[in-house]
Amino acid sequence: MTKPDLSGRTPTVQRAPAFPWPRWRLTPDRRKKPLARDPRNSDDEDGDDGGIEAASTVPPATVPRTRTRVPRSPPPSAPPNPARETDTTRPAGSLGGWLARESLALLGMAGAALTVFSQLAAIMPLSRPFMDILGWWLTVSSNFWLDRYDEIGFYPHSHLQAAIALAAFLTLIGLGARISAIWTGTALQRRWGFLDGMTWPSLAIMAVLAIVFLLGHDPNASSITSGGDGSKETIKYLFAIILTAGYAAGDHLGQRGFHIRLYRLAVLLIIGLALNQWLLSSP
């Protein structure tokens, strides 16, 4: 076999198999230029200072856009809409607005205060102006309650009549507190437990009122109704039950607002007693 003559051909170069040889670079990598030039950086584009500080890629803070709502004015031909007009004669924070939304609660507080003073008239001296006011109040209150008792044909004992009157005024205070809360937009709980908002000051005020009503009547009374006999213990129990029912009704209707107005009732009674003593001492 003769050997081929390869002297006139270019030798064939074969590819070496792949091997992860280390690649050494004689020059370090240069810092990549940022896409957007930050004007706060220096103007050196070549990075001759070492390239330590990199370009900030955090986007600038954007201010949220707010829409300014311009109220639309009605066309000249359209009639005025009274529902859109605001009542400027009695703002929500004025004295007239407060009296309007507190009218029912104030009526209950005034009735309870006058009823308490009518009981105090039997155990302490009262000035002439207070006696005149209480005389008018006893006439109005007696006519109202006697008409109600005539309708049902039942006349409770004087202790129970006082308890019914006070319980009715307490319920009226709670109803007024609820109306005021609805008017002002105060949130009321859907489920309110029995005497859930009762506090120690509120309970102390009720105890004082009960003592005043018990001391302001004839201690020798022995009948519950005009036609039947009953013991003093029965009258006391019924008195306590009626007062508790009125207190619970006010707590359920007015929730915490009822107890706040009960504190105001106590302050009103203290002011009334101080004014009565001042009128008694004055010539």
Protein backbone atom coordinates (compact mmCIF):
# COMPACT_ATOMS: atom_id res chain seq x y z
CA MET A 1 0.00 0.00 0.00
CA THR A 2 1.38 3.27 -1.08
CA LYS A 3 1.25 6.26 1.19
CA PRO A 4 -0.81 9.27 -0.10
CA ASP A 5 1.02 12.45 -0.90
CA LEU A 6 -0.32 15.19 1.36
CA SER A 7 2.40 17.74 0.75
CA GLY A 8 0.14 20.01 -1.38
CA ARG A 9 -2.93 20.02 1.01
CA THR A 10 -3.68 22.20 3.96
CA PRO A 11 -3.56 20.15 7.12
CA THR A 12 -7.00 19.54 8.74
CA VAL A 13 -7.56 21.23 12.13
CA GLN A 14 -9.70 19.20 14.52
CA ARG A 15 -11.80 20.80 17.37
CA ALA A 16 -10.63 19.93 20.83
CA PRO A 17 -13.19 18.58 23.29
CA ALA A 18 -14.95 21.20 25.54
CA PHE A 19 -13.27 21.71 28.88
CA PRO A 20 -14.03 24.46 31.46
CA TRP A 21 -10.69 26.19 31.31
CA PRO A 22 -10.37 29.25 33.56
CA ARG A 23 -10.63 32.46 31.68
CA TRP A 24 -8.29 35.13 32.87
CA ARG A 25 -8.76 38.74 31.92
CA LEU A 26 -5.96 41.19 31.99
CA THR A 27 -8.26 44.22 32.24
CA PRO A 28 -11.07 44.57 34.85
CA ASP A 29 -14.69 44.98 33.82
CA ARG A 30 -15.77 48.55 33.44
CA ARG A 31 -18.86 49.96 35.12
CA LYS A 32 -21.89 49.85 32.91
CA LYS A 33 -23.31 53.20 32.09
CA PRO A 34 -26.89 53.81 33.37
CA LEU A 35 -29.67 54.10 30.88
CA ALA A 36 -30.87 57.43 32.29
CA ARG A 37 -28.30 59.88 33.59
CA ASP A 38 -29.10 61.17 37.06
CA PRO A 39 -28.42 64.92 37.14
CA ARG A 40 -27.38 64.71 40.80
CA ASN A 41 -24.34 62.57 39.88
CA SER A 42 -21.10 64.00 38.55
CA ASP A 43 -20.63 64.55 34.85
CA ASP A 44 -17.72 62.13 34.65
CA GLU A 45 -18.87 59.64 32.04
CA ASP A 46 -15.70 57.58 31.99
CA GLY A 47 -15.82 56.68 35.70
CA ASP A 48 -12.19 57.55 36.39
CA ASP A 49 -12.94 58.11 40.11
CA GLY A 50 -13.09 54.38 40.76
CA GLY A 51 -16.75 53.64 39.90
CA ILE A 52 -17.66 52.81 43.51
CA GLU A 53 -21.06 54.55 43.59
CA ALA A 54 -23.56 52.86 41.27
CA ALA A 55 -26.28 54.69 39.48
CA SER A 56 -29.58 54.82 41.35
CA THR A 57 -32.25 52.69 39.79
CA VAL A 58 -35.04 53.77 42.19
CA PRO A 59 -37.70 55.67 40.26
CA PRO A 60 -38.49 59.16 41.49
CA ALA A 61 -41.33 59.59 43.91
CA THR A 62 -44.57 60.44 42.23
CA VAL A 63 -47.19 62.69 43.77
CA PRO A 64 -50.68 61.17 43.58
CA ARG A 65 -53.09 63.12 41.53
CA THR A 66 -56.12 64.48 43.26
CA ARG A 67 -59.27 65.42 41.53
CA THR A 68 -60.85 68.69 42.45
CA ARG A 69 -64.58 68.28 42.31
CA VAL A 70 -66.26 71.43 41.15
CA PRO A 71 -69.91 71.61 42.22
CA ARG A 72 -72.27 71.81 39.36
CA SER A 73 -74.49 74.79 39.24
CA PRO A 74 -78.08 74.14 38.16
CA PRO A 75 -79.14 75.57 34.86
CA PRO A 76 -80.86 78.92 35.01
CA SER A 77 -84.14 77.47 33.80
CA ALA A 78 -84.27 74.67 36.43
CA PRO A 79 -86.34 75.30 39.60
CA PRO A 80 -84.48 75.31 42.94
CA ASN A 81 -84.28 71.97 44.74
CA PRO A 82 -85.04 72.41 48.47
CA ALA A 83 -83.47 69.03 49.30
CA ARG A 84 -80.02 70.24 48.24
CA GLU A 85 -80.22 73.49 50.12
CA THR A 86 -78.49 73.41 53.50
CA ASP A 87 -80.22 74.80 56.54
CA THR A 88 -78.05 77.68 57.67
CA THR A 89 -80.52 78.98 60.23
CA ARG A 90 -79.78 76.17 62.74
CA PRO A 91 -76.36 74.52 62.38
CA ALA A 92 -75.70 71.15 64.00
CA GLY A 93 -73.42 72.60 66.67
CA SER A 94 -75.62 75.54 67.67
CA LEU A 95 -77.67 75.85 70.84
CA GLY A 96 -80.90 75.53 68.89
CA GLY A 97 -79.77 72.29 67.26
CA TRP A 98 -78.70 70.86 70.62
CA LEU A 99 -82.04 71.77 72.23
CA ALA A 100 -83.91 70.23 69.31
CA ARG A 101 -82.21 66.85 69.49
CA GLU A 102 -82.16 66.81 73.32
CA SER A 103 -85.74 68.03 73.77
CA LEU A 104 -87.19 64.63 74.71
CA ALA A 105 -84.33 63.80 77.09
CA LEU A 106 -84.56 67.26 78.68
CA LEU A 107 -88.30 66.77 79.17
CA GLY A 108 -87.66 63.49 80.98
CA MET A 109 -84.91 65.04 83.13
CA ALA A 110 -87.10 68.00 84.08
CA GLY A 111 -90.01 65.72 84.97
CA ALA A 112 -87.78 63.47 87.08
CA ALA A 113 -86.23 66.47 88.86
CA LEU A 114 -89.62 68.02 89.66
CA THR A 115 -90.93 64.66 90.89
CA VAL A 116 -87.91 64.33 93.20
CA PHE A 117 -88.42 67.85 94.59
CA SER A 118 -92.09 67.09 95.19
CA GLN A 119 -90.94 64.22 97.40
CA LEU A 120 -88.36 66.39 99.17
CA ALA A 121 -91.09 68.88 100.09
CA ALA A 122 -92.25 66.47 102.81
CA ILE A 123 -88.86 66.13 104.53
CA MET A 124 -87.11 69.50 104.00
CA PRO A 125 -88.12 73.17 103.75
CA LEU A 126 -88.45 74.68 100.30
CA SER A 127 -88.40 78.30 99.24
CA ARG A 128 -91.46 80.15 97.97
CA PRO A 129 -90.51 80.00 94.24
CA PHE A 130 -89.93 76.26 94.50
CA MET A 131 -93.25 75.77 96.28
CA ASP A 132 -95.09 77.67 93.54
CA ILE A 133 -93.44 75.61 90.80
CA LEU A 134 -94.08 72.35 92.65
CA GLY A 135 -97.73 73.29 93.26
CA TRP A 136 -98.25 73.74 89.54
CA TRP A 137 -96.37 70.53 88.80
CA LEU A 138 -98.38 68.43 91.28
CA THR A 139 -101.60 69.65 89.72
CA VAL A 140 -100.49 68.81 86.18
CA SER A 141 -98.94 65.46 87.15
CA SER A 142 -101.90 64.36 89.26
CA ASN A 143 -104.39 65.19 86.52
CA PHE A 144 -102.35 63.24 83.97
CA TRP A 145 -101.86 60.11 86.06
CA LEU A 146 -105.37 60.09 87.53
CA ASP A 147 -106.81 60.15 84.03
CA ARG A 148 -104.70 57.11 83.15
CA TYR A 149 -105.77 55.30 86.31
CA ASP A 150 -109.44 56.14 85.62
CA GLU A 151 -109.13 54.48 82.22
CA ILE A 152 -107.88 51.20 83.67
CA GLY A 153 -109.93 51.43 86.89
CA PHE A 154 -106.93 50.78 89.17
CA TYR A 155 -105.39 53.21 91.67
CA PRO A 156 -101.97 52.14 93.01
CA HIS A 157 -100.55 53.13 96.35
CA SER A 158 -98.80 56.50 96.60
CA HIS A 159 -95.41 54.79 96.78
CA LEU A 160 -96.16 52.86 93.61
CA GLN A 161 -97.53 55.95 91.87
CA ALA A 162 -94.24 57.74 92.54
CA ALA A 163 -92.29 54.72 91.30
CA ILE A 164 -94.37 54.54 88.10
CA ALA A 165 -93.85 58.27 87.45
CA LEU A 166 -90.08 58.03 87.97
CA ALA A 167 -89.84 54.87 85.82
CA ALA A 168 -91.75 56.63 83.03
CA PHE A 169 -89.39 59.61 83.13
CA LEU A 170 -86.34 57.32 83.12
CA THR A 171 -87.71 55.55 80.04
CA LEU A 172 -88.30 58.95 78.44
CA ILE A 173 -84.68 59.93 79.12
CA GLY A 174 -83.48 56.71 77.47
CA LEU A 175 -85.73 57.31 74.45
CA GLY A 176 -84.44 60.87 74.14
CA ALA A 177 -80.85 59.62 74.31
CA ARG A 178 -81.57 57.15 71.49
CA ILE A 179 -83.14 59.83 69.29
CA SER A 180 -80.17 62.13 69.92
CA ALA A 181 -77.75 59.32 68.97
CA ILE A 182 -79.64 58.65 65.73
CA TRP A 183 -79.68 62.36 64.95
CA THR A 184 -75.93 62.80 65.47
CA GLY A 185 -75.00 59.51 63.77
CA THR A 186 -73.67 57.80 66.92
CA ALA A 187 -73.42 54.03 66.48
CA LEU A 188 -75.83 51.99 68.59
CA GLN A 189 -75.27 48.32 69.31
CA ARG A 190 -77.87 45.95 67.94
CA ARG A 191 -77.59 43.60 70.88
CA TRP A 192 -77.52 45.33 74.24
CA GLY A 193 -77.59 43.14 77.32
CA PHE A 194 -79.63 43.70 80.45
CA LEU A 195 -78.11 46.66 82.31
CA ASP A 196 -74.96 46.30 80.19
CA GLY A 197 -74.00 49.96 80.53
CA MET A 198 -74.64 50.24 84.27
CA THR A 199 -71.84 51.92 86.25
CA TRP A 200 -71.31 52.48 89.96
CA PRO A 201 -72.07 56.25 89.81
CA SER A 202 -75.26 55.55 87.89
CA LEU A 203 -76.31 52.89 90.38
CA ALA A 204 -75.54 55.24 93.29
CA ILE A 205 -77.74 57.95 91.73
CA MET A 206 -80.62 55.48 91.45
CA ALA A 207 -80.16 54.41 95.07
CA VAL A 208 -80.32 58.02 96.26
CA LEU A 209 -83.48 58.62 94.21
CA ALA A 210 -85.11 55.53 95.67
CA ILE A 211 -84.27 56.63 99.22
CA VAL A 212 -85.69 60.09 98.56
CA PHE A 213 -88.94 58.62 97.23
CA LEU A 214 -89.27 56.26 100.18
CA LEU A 215 -88.63 58.99 102.77
CA GLY A 216 -90.97 61.45 101.10
CA HIS A 217 -94.12 59.41 101.74
CA ASP A 218 -96.21 58.55 104.75
CA PRO A 219 -94.25 55.89 106.66
CA ASN A 220 -97.46 54.46 108.16
CA ALA A 221 -99.07 53.54 104.84
CA SER A 222 -100.36 49.99 104.86
CA SER A 223 -102.32 49.48 101.65
CA ILE A 224 -101.28 48.87 98.08
CA THR A 225 -104.56 49.89 96.49
CA SER A 226 -107.50 51.84 97.77
CA GLY A 227 -109.68 48.73 97.95
CA GLY A 228 -107.27 46.09 99.25
CA ASP A 229 -104.77 45.50 102.01
CA GLY A 230 -101.10 44.74 101.69
CA SER A 231 -97.94 44.75 103.72
CA LYS A 232 -95.12 47.25 103.65
CA GLU A 233 -92.76 44.59 102.40
CA THR A 234 -94.91 43.98 99.34
CA ILE A 235 -94.99 47.71 98.62
CA LYS A 236 -91.19 47.91 98.89
CA TYR A 237 -90.69 44.95 96.57
CA LEU A 238 -93.08 46.35 93.99
CA PHE A 239 -91.43 49.75 94.32
CA ALA A 240 -88.00 48.25 93.65
CA ILE A 241 -89.29 46.18 90.72
CA ILE A 242 -90.91 49.19 89.05
CA LEU A 243 -87.81 51.36 89.47
CA THR A 244 -85.59 48.58 88.13
CA ALA A 245 -87.87 48.17 85.11
CA GLY A 246 -87.69 51.90 84.34
CA TYR A 247 -83.92 51.93 84.81
CA ALA A 248 -83.48 48.87 82.55
CA ALA A 249 -85.78 50.37 79.87
CA GLY A 250 -83.75 53.57 79.83
CA ASP A 251 -80.50 51.57 79.66
CA HIS A 252 -81.81 49.45 76.77
CA LEU A 253 -83.11 52.40 74.73
CA GLY A 254 -80.36 54.95 75.32
CA GLN A 255 -77.50 52.54 76.07
CA ARG A 256 -74.49 54.52 77.37
CA GLY A 257 -76.11 57.84 76.48
CA PHE A 258 -78.82 57.16 79.08
CA HIS A 259 -76.28 56.97 81.91
CA ILE A 260 -74.57 60.16 80.73
CA ARG A 261 -77.91 61.98 80.98
CA LEU A 262 -78.50 60.41 84.36
CA TYR A 263 -75.28 62.12 85.53
CA ARG A 264 -76.66 65.39 84.17
CA LEU A 265 -79.85 64.78 86.15
CA ALA A 266 -77.81 64.43 89.34
CA VAL A 267 -75.97 67.70 88.58
CA LEU A 268 -79.32 69.39 87.90
CA LEU A 269 -80.66 68.22 91.28
CA ILE A 270 -77.56 69.47 93.10
CA ILE A 271 -77.87 72.88 91.42
CA GLY A 272 -81.56 73.00 92.35
CA LEU A 273 -80.83 72.17 96.00
CA ALA A 274 -78.11 74.82 96.17
CA LEU A 275 -80.45 77.40 94.63
CA ASN A 276 -83.17 76.48 97.13
CA GLN A 277 -80.80 76.94 100.08
CA TRP A 278 -79.66 80.28 98.69
CA LEU A 279 -83.27 81.46 98.36
CA LEU A 280 -84.04 80.32 101.91
CA SER A 281 -81.04 82.21 103.34
CA SER A 282 -81.71 85.39 101.39
CA PRO A 283 -84.06 87.93 103.06
